[in-house]
Amino acid sequence: MHGQMQGLFNFKPSVRPVPLECHIQGYPGKFYCPRMATMNKPAYAAIQTHSPLKPVLVFVSSRRQVGCYILHTIKAFCTLSRHVAL
């Protein structure tokens, strides 16, 4: 029990050099892939709502999910851009 200390570092917003806003959304569902697929559009909408012009950091559960999320996000962006341009 006296091994190395490991843990999670959580710094107060007042000590961060860049302001941080955290938005957490939960989605019901028993099965992993369908639940992850239902999260793509709402995540993109949240990015457009909370940070339309600034970079964002999105955490996903696996490397495979990164690729899926990026493809769906690009698809949503292209679809939205097409509607705005018309």
PDB file of N, CA and C in Angstrom:
ATOM      1  N   MET A   1       0.797  -1.192   0.000  1.00  0.00           N
ATOM      2  CA  MET A   1       0.000   0.000   0.000  1.00  0.00           C
ATOM      3  C   MET A   1       0.849   1.268   0.000  1.00  0.00           C
ATOM      4  N   HIS A   2       2.139   1.146   0.196  1.00  0.00           N
ATOM      5  CA  HIS A   2       2.997   2.323   0.239  1.00  0.00           C
ATOM      6  C   HIS A   2       3.775   2.492  -1.057  1.00  0.00           C
ATOM      7  N   GLY A   3       3.138   2.197  -2.182  1.00  0.00           N
ATOM      8  CA  GLY A   3       3.789   2.355  -3.488  1.00  0.00           C
ATOM      9  C   GLY A   3       3.755   3.804  -3.932  1.00  0.00           C
ATOM     10  N   GLN A   4       4.043   3.998  -5.203  1.00  0.00           N
ATOM     11  CA  GLN A   4       4.033   5.344  -5.758  1.00  0.00           C
ATOM     12  C   GLN A   4       2.612   5.893  -5.797  1.00  0.00           C
ATOM     13  N   MET A   5       2.521   7.187  -5.612  1.00  0.00           N
ATOM     14  CA  MET A   5       1.224   7.850  -5.673  1.00  0.00           C
ATOM     15  C   MET A   5       0.848   8.059  -7.140  1.00  0.00           C
ATOM     16  N   GLN A   6      -0.315   7.618  -7.512  1.00  0.00           N
ATOM     17  CA  GLN A   6      -0.836   7.841  -8.852  1.00  0.00           C
ATOM     18  C   GLN A   6      -2.222   8.424  -8.706  1.00  0.00           C
ATOM     19  N   GLY A   7      -2.601   9.261  -9.622  1.00  0.00           N
ATOM     20  CA  GLY A   7      -3.932   9.822  -9.507  1.00  0.00           C
ATOM     21  C   GLY A   7      -4.272  10.767 -10.627  1.00  0.00           C
ATOM     22  N   LEU A   8      -5.296  11.516 -10.392  1.00  0.00           N
ATOM     23  CA  LEU A   8      -5.817  12.454 -11.353  1.00  0.00           C
ATOM     24  C   LEU A   8      -5.489  13.860 -10.887  1.00  0.00           C
ATOM     25  N   PHE A   9      -4.946  14.666 -11.779  1.00  0.00           N
ATOM     26  CA  PHE A   9      -4.641  16.049 -11.436  1.00  0.00           C
ATOM     27  C   PHE A   9      -5.798  16.924 -11.886  1.00  0.00           C
ATOM     28  N   ASN A  10      -6.300  17.711 -10.990  1.00  0.00           N
ATOM     29  CA  ASN A  10      -7.400  18.605 -11.297  1.00  0.00           C
ATOM     30  C   ASN A  10      -7.043  19.985 -10.771  1.00  0.00           C
ATOM     31  N   PHE A  11      -6.811  20.916 -11.676  1.00  0.00           N
ATOM     32  CA  PHE A  11      -6.418  22.266 -11.288  1.00  0.00           C
ATOM     33  C   PHE A  11      -7.624  23.186 -11.315  1.00  0.00           C
ATOM     34  N   LYS A  12      -7.696  24.087 -10.377  1.00  0.00           N
ATOM     35  CA  LYS A  12      -8.776  25.060 -10.323  1.00  0.00           C
ATOM     36  C   LYS A  12      -8.706  25.971 -11.550  1.00  0.00           C
ATOM     37  N   PRO A  13      -9.849  26.461 -12.021  1.00  0.00           N
ATOM     38  CA  PRO A  13      -9.832  27.376 -13.177  1.00  0.00           C
ATOM     39  C   PRO A  13      -8.979  28.620 -12.947  1.00  0.00           C
ATOM     40  N   SER A  14      -8.832  29.056 -11.704  1.00  0.00           N
ATOM     41  CA  SER A  14      -8.064  30.272 -11.426  1.00  0.00           C
ATOM     42  C   SER A  14      -6.564  30.096 -11.672  1.00  0.00           C
ATOM     43  N   VAL A  15      -6.046  28.864 -11.680  1.00  0.00           N
ATOM     44  CA  VAL A  15      -4.616  28.649 -11.894  1.00  0.00           C
ATOM     45  C   VAL A  15      -4.298  28.206 -13.324  1.00  0.00           C
ATOM     46  N   ARG A  16      -5.292  28.061 -14.164  1.00  0.00           N
ATOM     47  CA  ARG A  16      -5.067  27.649 -15.548  1.00  0.00           C
ATOM     48  C   ARG A  16      -4.668  28.856 -16.397  1.00  0.00           C
ATOM     49  N   PRO A  17      -3.660  28.713 -17.262  1.00  0.00           N
ATOM     50  CA  PRO A  17      -3.278  29.835 -18.129  1.00  0.00           C
ATOM     51  C   PRO A  17      -4.318  30.119 -19.213  1.00  0.00           C
ATOM     52  N   VAL A  18      -5.086  29.107 -19.592  1.00  0.00           N
ATOM     53  CA  VAL A  18      -6.137  29.258 -20.595  1.00  0.00           C
ATOM     54  C   VAL A  18      -7.456  28.882 -19.922  1.00  0.00           C
ATOM     55  N   PRO A  19      -8.469  29.741 -20.020  1.00  0.00           N
ATOM     56  CA  PRO A  19      -9.752  29.413 -19.396  1.00  0.00           C
ATOM     57  C   PRO A  19     -10.321  28.089 -19.917  1.00  0.00           C
ATOM     58  N   LEU A  20     -10.963  27.360 -19.042  1.00  0.00           N
ATOM     59  CA  LEU A  20     -11.508  26.055 -19.391  1.00  0.00           C
ATOM     60  C   LEU A  20     -12.999  26.022 -19.092  1.00  0.00           C
ATOM     61  N   GLU A  21     -13.762  25.562 -20.062  1.00  0.00           N
ATOM     62  CA  GLU A  21     -15.177  25.290 -19.864  1.00  0.00           C
ATOM     63  C   GLU A  21     -15.383  23.809 -20.099  1.00  0.00           C
ATOM     64  N   CYS A  22     -16.108  23.173 -19.219  1.00  0.00           N
ATOM     65  CA  CYS A  22     -16.344  21.736 -19.338  1.00  0.00           C
ATOM     66  C   CYS A  22     -17.834  21.496 -19.519  1.00  0.00           C
ATOM     67  N   HIS A  23     -18.192  20.779 -20.573  1.00  0.00           N
ATOM     68  CA  HIS A  23     -19.578  20.423 -20.848  1.00  0.00           C
ATOM     69  C   HIS A  23     -19.640  18.904 -20.959  1.00  0.00           C
ATOM     70  N   ILE A  24     -20.464  18.280 -20.140  1.00  0.00           N
ATOM     71  CA  ILE A  24     -20.575  16.819 -20.128  1.00  0.00           C
ATOM     72  C   ILE A  24     -21.995  16.448 -20.515  1.00  0.00           C
ATOM     73  N   GLN A  25     -22.113  15.514 -21.442  1.00  0.00           N
ATOM     74  CA  GLN A  25     -23.416  15.008 -21.855  1.00  0.00           C
ATOM     75  C   GLN A  25     -23.416  13.500 -21.727  1.00  0.00           C
ATOM     76  N   GLY A  26     -24.480  12.948 -21.241  1.00  0.00           N
ATOM     77  CA  GLY A  26     -24.612  11.503 -21.107  1.00  0.00           C
ATOM     78  C   GLY A  26     -25.691  10.979 -22.046  1.00  0.00           C
ATOM     79  N   TYR A  27     -25.515   9.761 -22.504  1.00  0.00           N
ATOM     80  CA  TYR A  27     -26.471   9.153 -23.422  1.00  0.00           C
ATOM     81  C   TYR A  27     -26.790   7.747 -22.953  1.00  0.00           C
ATOM     82  N   PRO A  28     -28.075   7.388 -22.920  1.00  0.00           N
ATOM     83  CA  PRO A  28     -28.440   6.035 -22.507  1.00  0.00           C
ATOM     84  C   PRO A  28     -28.181   5.038 -23.628  1.00  0.00           C
ATOM     85  N   GLY A  29     -28.049   3.826 -23.270  1.00  0.00           N
ATOM     86  CA  GLY A  29     -27.877   2.774 -24.265  1.00  0.00           C
ATOM     87  C   GLY A  29     -27.023   1.665 -23.707  1.00  0.00           C
ATOM     88  N   LYS A  30     -27.409   0.450 -24.017  1.00  0.00           N
ATOM     89  CA  LYS A  30     -26.696  -0.708 -23.480  1.00  0.00           C
ATOM     90  C   LYS A  30     -25.510  -1.098 -24.357  1.00  0.00           C
ATOM     91  N   PHE A  31     -25.657  -0.935 -25.654  1.00  0.00           N
ATOM     92  CA  PHE A  31     -24.631  -1.409 -26.577  1.00  0.00           C
ATOM     93  C   PHE A  31     -23.732  -0.263 -27.018  1.00  0.00           C
ATOM     94  N   TYR A  32     -22.439  -0.544 -27.075  1.00  0.00           N
ATOM     95  CA  TYR A  32     -21.412   0.481 -27.279  1.00  0.00           C
ATOM     96  C   TYR A  32     -21.529   1.208 -28.623  1.00  0.00           C
ATOM     97  N   CYS A  33     -21.489   0.495 -29.725  1.00  0.00           N
ATOM     98  CA  CYS A  33     -21.444   1.132 -31.052  1.00  0.00           C
ATOM     99  C   CYS A  33     -22.672   1.996 -31.352  1.00  0.00           C
ATOM    100  N   PRO A  34     -23.887   1.499 -31.138  1.00  0.00           N
ATOM    101  CA  PRO A  34     -25.047   2.376 -31.390  1.00  0.00           C
ATOM    102  C   PRO A  34     -25.057   3.612 -30.477  1.00  0.00           C
ATOM    103  N   ARG A  35     -24.630   3.444 -29.237  1.00  0.00           N
ATOM    104  CA  ARG A  35     -24.591   4.591 -28.315  1.00  0.00           C
ATOM    105  C   ARG A  35     -23.584   5.626 -28.792  1.00  0.00           C
ATOM    106  N   MET A  36     -22.421   5.182 -29.238  1.00  0.00           N
ATOM    107  CA  MET A  36     -21.410   6.114 -29.738  1.00  0.00           C
ATOM    108  C   MET A  36     -21.905   6.822 -31.002  1.00  0.00           C
ATOM    109  N   ALA A  37     -22.611   6.111 -31.861  1.00  0.00           N
ATOM    110  CA  ALA A  37     -23.121   6.716 -33.089  1.00  0.00           C
ATOM    111  C   ALA A  37     -24.164   7.786 -32.789  1.00  0.00           C
ATOM    112  N   THR A  38     -24.969   7.600 -31.749  1.00  0.00           N
ATOM    113  CA  THR A  38     -25.980   8.602 -31.410  1.00  0.00           C
ATOM    114  C   THR A  38     -25.367   9.857 -30.809  1.00  0.00           C
ATOM    115  N   MET A  39     -24.134   9.796 -30.396  1.00  0.00           N
ATOM    116  CA  MET A  39     -23.490  10.940 -29.759  1.00  0.00           C
ATOM    117  C   MET A  39     -22.846  11.904 -30.757  1.00  0.00           C
ATOM    118  N   ASN A  40     -22.632  11.499 -31.992  1.00  0.00           N
ATOM    119  CA  ASN A  40     -21.884  12.329 -32.939  1.00  0.00           C
ATOM    120  C   ASN A  40     -22.573  13.648 -33.276  1.00  0.00           C
ATOM    121  N   LYS A  41     -23.841  13.602 -33.674  1.00  0.00           N
ATOM    122  CA  LYS A  41     -24.544  14.841 -34.043  1.00  0.00           C
ATOM    123  C   LYS A  41     -24.687  15.790 -32.853  1.00  0.00           C
ATOM    124  N   PRO A  42     -25.126  15.307 -31.671  1.00  0.00           N
ATOM    125  CA  PRO A  42     -25.210  16.215 -30.531  1.00  0.00           C
ATOM    126  C   PRO A  42     -23.858  16.812 -30.131  1.00  0.00           C
ATOM    127  N   ALA A  43     -22.792  16.045 -30.269  1.00  0.00           N
ATOM    128  CA  ALA A  43     -21.461  16.571 -29.940  1.00  0.00           C
ATOM    129  C   ALA A  43     -21.079  17.684 -30.906  1.00  0.00           C
ATOM    130  N   TYR A  44     -21.344  17.487 -32.185  1.00  0.00           N
ATOM    131  CA  TYR A  44     -21.052  18.530 -33.174  1.00  0.00           C
ATOM    132  C   TYR A  44     -21.894  19.777 -32.907  1.00  0.00           C
ATOM    133  N   ALA A  45     -23.165  19.579 -32.588  1.00  0.00           N
ATOM    134  CA  ALA A  45     -24.047  20.711 -32.280  1.00  0.00           C
ATOM    135  C   ALA A  45     -23.554  21.467 -31.044  1.00  0.00           C
ATOM    136  N   ALA A  46     -23.077  20.740 -30.038  1.00  0.00           N
ATOM    137  CA  ALA A  46     -22.560  21.383 -28.827  1.00  0.00           C
ATOM    138  C   ALA A  46     -21.307  22.200 -29.141  1.00  0.00           C
ATOM    139  N   ILE A  47     -20.450  21.689 -29.999  1.00  0.00           N
ATOM    140  CA  ILE A  47     -19.249  22.436 -30.400  1.00  0.00           C
ATOM    141  C   ILE A  47     -19.658  23.724 -31.099  1.00  0.00           C
ATOM    142  N   GLN A  48     -20.622  23.637 -32.010  1.00  0.00           N
ATOM    143  CA  GLN A  48     -21.084  24.823 -32.723  1.00  0.00           C
ATOM    144  C   GLN A  48     -21.742  25.832 -31.782  1.00  0.00           C
ATOM    145  N   THR A  49     -22.387  25.347 -30.736  1.00  0.00           N
ATOM    146  CA  THR A  49     -23.054  26.228 -29.780  1.00  0.00           C
ATOM    147  C   THR A  49     -22.069  26.900 -28.831  1.00  0.00           C
ATOM    148  N   HIS A  50     -21.174  26.102 -28.255  1.00  0.00           N
ATOM    149  CA  HIS A  50     -20.309  26.602 -27.185  1.00  0.00           C
ATOM    150  C   HIS A  50     -18.991  27.207 -27.671  1.00  0.00           C
ATOM    151  N   SER A  51     -18.512  26.777 -28.827  1.00  0.00           N
ATOM    152  CA  SER A  51     -17.225  27.275 -29.298  1.00  0.00           C
ATOM    153  C   SER A  51     -17.156  27.258 -30.826  1.00  0.00           C
ATOM    154  N   PRO A  52     -17.950  28.092 -31.481  1.00  0.00           N
ATOM    155  CA  PRO A  52     -17.978  28.030 -32.944  1.00  0.00           C
ATOM    156  C   PRO A  52     -16.696  28.513 -33.623  1.00  0.00           C
ATOM    157  N   LEU A  53     -15.912  29.361 -32.959  1.00  0.00           N
ATOM    158  CA  LEU A  53     -14.727  29.928 -33.599  1.00  0.00           C
ATOM    159  C   LEU A  53     -13.416  29.554 -32.924  1.00  0.00           C
ATOM    160  N   LYS A  54     -13.470  28.860 -31.819  1.00  0.00           N
ATOM    161  CA  LYS A  54     -12.249  28.511 -31.082  1.00  0.00           C
ATOM    162  C   LYS A  54     -12.025  27.008 -31.101  1.00  0.00           C
ATOM    163  N   PRO A  55     -10.782  26.573 -30.920  1.00  0.00           N
ATOM    164  CA  PRO A  55     -10.499  25.134 -30.881  1.00  0.00           C
ATOM    165  C   PRO A  55     -11.177  24.466 -29.684  1.00  0.00           C
ATOM    166  N   VAL A  56     -11.482  23.196 -29.848  1.00  0.00           N
ATOM    167  CA  VAL A  56     -12.079  22.416 -28.765  1.00  0.00           C
ATOM    168  C   VAL A  56     -11.301  21.121 -28.586  1.00  0.00           C
ATOM    169  N   LEU A  57     -11.471  20.520 -27.452  1.00  0.00           N
ATOM    170  CA  LEU A  57     -10.852  19.235 -27.145  1.00  0.00           C
ATOM    171  C   LEU A  57     -11.973  18.263 -26.823  1.00  0.00           C
ATOM    172  N   VAL A  58     -12.070  17.188 -27.603  1.00  0.00           N
ATOM    173  CA  VAL A  58     -13.124  16.190 -27.419  1.00  0.00           C
ATOM    174  C   VAL A  58     -12.467  14.891 -26.992  1.00  0.00           C
ATOM    175  N   PHE A  59     -12.917  14.344 -25.889  1.00  0.00           N
ATOM    176  CA  PHE A  59     -12.400  13.066 -25.404  1.00  0.00           C
ATOM    177  C   PHE A  59     -13.309  11.943 -25.871  1.00  0.00           C
ATOM    178  N   VAL A  60     -12.714  10.901 -26.420  1.00  0.00           N
ATOM    179  CA  VAL A  60     -13.453   9.710 -26.820  1.00  0.00           C
ATOM    180  C   VAL A  60     -12.809   8.509 -26.146  1.00  0.00           C
ATOM    181  N   SER A  61     -13.486   7.376 -26.207  1.00  0.00           N
ATOM    182  CA  SER A  61     -13.065   6.239 -25.394  1.00  0.00           C
ATOM    183  C   SER A  61     -11.979   5.361 -26.011  1.00  0.00           C
ATOM    184  N   SER A  62     -11.712   5.475 -27.297  1.00  0.00           N
ATOM    185  CA  SER A  62     -10.708   4.600 -27.912  1.00  0.00           C
ATOM    186  C   SER A  62     -10.154   5.237 -29.182  1.00  0.00           C
ATOM    187  N   ARG A  63      -9.057   4.675 -29.687  1.00  0.00           N
ATOM    188  CA  ARG A  63      -8.488   5.163 -30.947  1.00  0.00           C
ATOM    189  C   ARG A  63      -9.445   4.942 -32.106  1.00  0.00           C
ATOM    190  N   ARG A  64     -10.117   3.816 -32.092  1.00  0.00           N
ATOM    191  CA  ARG A  64     -11.089   3.517 -33.140  1.00  0.00           C
ATOM    192  C   ARG A  64     -12.202   4.560 -33.137  1.00  0.00           C
ATOM    193  N   GLN A  65     -12.629   4.954 -31.966  1.00  0.00           N
ATOM    194  CA  GLN A  65     -13.694   5.937 -31.856  1.00  0.00           C
ATOM    195  C   GLN A  65     -13.250   7.303 -32.362  1.00  0.00           C
ATOM    196  N   VAL A  66     -11.968   7.624 -32.259  1.00  0.00           N
ATOM    197  CA  VAL A  66     -11.454   8.890 -32.788  1.00  0.00           C
ATOM    198  C   VAL A  66     -11.728   8.961 -34.289  1.00  0.00           C
ATOM    199  N   GLY A  67     -11.378   7.901 -35.000  1.00  0.00           N
ATOM    200  CA  GLY A  67     -11.600   7.880 -36.446  1.00  0.00           C
ATOM    201  C   GLY A  67     -13.064   7.992 -36.805  1.00  0.00           C
ATOM    202  N   CYS A  68     -13.909   7.262 -36.099  1.00  0.00           N
ATOM    203  CA  CYS A  68     -15.349   7.325 -36.365  1.00  0.00           C
ATOM    204  C   CYS A  68     -15.885   8.716 -36.085  1.00  0.00           C
ATOM    205  N   TYR A  69     -15.469   9.302 -34.980  1.00  0.00           N
ATOM    206  CA  TYR A  69     -15.964  10.632 -34.611  1.00  0.00           C
ATOM    207  C   TYR A  69     -15.524  11.687 -35.629  1.00  0.00           C
ATOM    208  N   ILE A  70     -14.275  11.615 -36.059  1.00  0.00           N
ATOM    209  CA  ILE A  70     -13.774  12.586 -37.030  1.00  0.00           C
ATOM    210  C   ILE A  70     -14.537  12.488 -38.343  1.00  0.00           C
ATOM    211  N   LEU A  71     -14.755  11.270 -38.834  1.00  0.00           N
ATOM    212  CA  LEU A  71     -15.489  11.105 -40.090  1.00  0.00           C
ATOM    213  C   LEU A  71     -16.916  11.640 -39.987  1.00  0.00           C
ATOM    214  N   HIS A  72     -17.590  11.350 -38.888  1.00  0.00           N
ATOM    215  CA  HIS A  72     -18.959  11.834 -38.721  1.00  0.00           C
ATOM    216  C   HIS A  72     -18.999  13.355 -38.558  1.00  0.00           C
ATOM    217  N   THR A  73     -17.997  13.914 -37.891  1.00  0.00           N
ATOM    218  CA  THR A  73     -17.948  15.362 -37.697  1.00  0.00           C
ATOM    219  C   THR A  73     -17.702  16.072 -39.028  1.00  0.00           C
ATOM    220  N   ILE A  74     -16.799  15.556 -39.830  1.00  0.00           N
ATOM    221  CA  ILE A  74     -16.540  16.140 -41.149  1.00  0.00           C
ATOM    222  C   ILE A  74     -17.790  16.054 -42.014  1.00  0.00           C
ATOM    223  N   LYS A  75     -18.474  14.915 -41.955  1.00  0.00           N
ATOM    224  CA  LYS A  75     -19.711  14.746 -42.722  1.00  0.00           C
ATOM    225  C   LYS A  75     -20.765  15.770 -42.277  1.00  0.00           C
ATOM    226  N   ALA A  76     -20.913  15.959 -40.976  1.00  0.00           N
ATOM    227  CA  ALA A  76     -21.883  16.944 -40.463  1.00  0.00           C
ATOM    228  C   ALA A  76     -21.500  18.348 -40.894  1.00  0.00           C
ATOM    229  N   PHE A  77     -20.217  18.664 -40.851  1.00  0.00           N
ATOM    230  CA  PHE A  77     -19.757  19.993 -41.268  1.00  0.00           C
ATOM    231  C   PHE A  77     -20.038  20.235 -42.737  1.00  0.00           C
ATOM    232  N   CYS A  78     -19.727  19.262 -43.576  1.00  0.00           N
ATOM    233  CA  CYS A  78     -19.954  19.407 -45.019  1.00  0.00           C
ATOM    234  C   CYS A  78     -21.442  19.548 -45.319  1.00  0.00           C
ATOM    235  N   THR A  79     -22.270  18.780 -44.637  1.00  0.00           N
ATOM    236  CA  THR A  79     -23.720  18.878 -44.836  1.00  0.00           C
ATOM    237  C   THR A  79     -24.217  20.256 -44.424  1.00  0.00           C
ATOM    238  N   LEU A  80     -23.777  20.731 -43.284  1.00  0.00           N
ATOM    239  CA  LEU A  80     -24.189  22.048 -42.799  1.00  0.00           C
ATOM    240  C   LEU A  80     -23.684  23.157 -43.719  1.00  0.00           C
ATOM    241  N   SER A  81     -22.449  23.046 -44.175  1.00  0.00           N
ATOM    242  CA  SER A  81     -21.868  24.056 -45.061  1.00  0.00           C
ATOM    243  C   SER A  81     -22.623  24.133 -46.371  1.00  0.00           C
ATOM    244  N   ARG A  82     -23.048  22.995 -46.895  1.00  0.00           N
ATOM    245  CA  ARG A  82     -23.805  22.958 -48.140  1.00  0.00           C
ATOM    246  C   ARG A  82     -25.138  23.707 -47.976  1.00  0.00           C
ATOM    247  N   HIS A  83     -25.810  23.501 -46.837  1.00  0.00           N
ATOM    248  CA  HIS A  83     -27.081  24.167 -46.592  1.00  0.00           C
ATOM    249  C   HIS A  83     -26.898  25.661 -46.402  1.00  0.00           C
ATOM    250  N   VAL A  84     -25.819  26.073 -45.751  1.00  0.00           N
ATOM    251  CA  VAL A  84     -25.562  27.492 -45.525  1.00  0.00           C
ATOM    252  C   VAL A  84     -25.198  28.183 -46.836  1.00  0.00           C
ATOM    253  N   ALA A  85     -24.409  27.512 -47.686  1.00  0.00           N
ATOM    254  CA  ALA A  85     -23.964  28.096 -48.946  1.00  0.00           C
ATOM    255  C   ALA A  85     -25.102  28.280 -49.940  1.00  0.00           C
ATOM    256  N   LEU A  86     -26.104  27.430 -49.862  1.00  0.00           N
ATOM    257  CA  LEU A  86     -27.212  27.510 -50.813  1.00  0.00           C
ATOM    258  C   LEU A  86     -28.074  28.628 -50.432  1.00  0.00           C
TER     259      LEU A  86
END
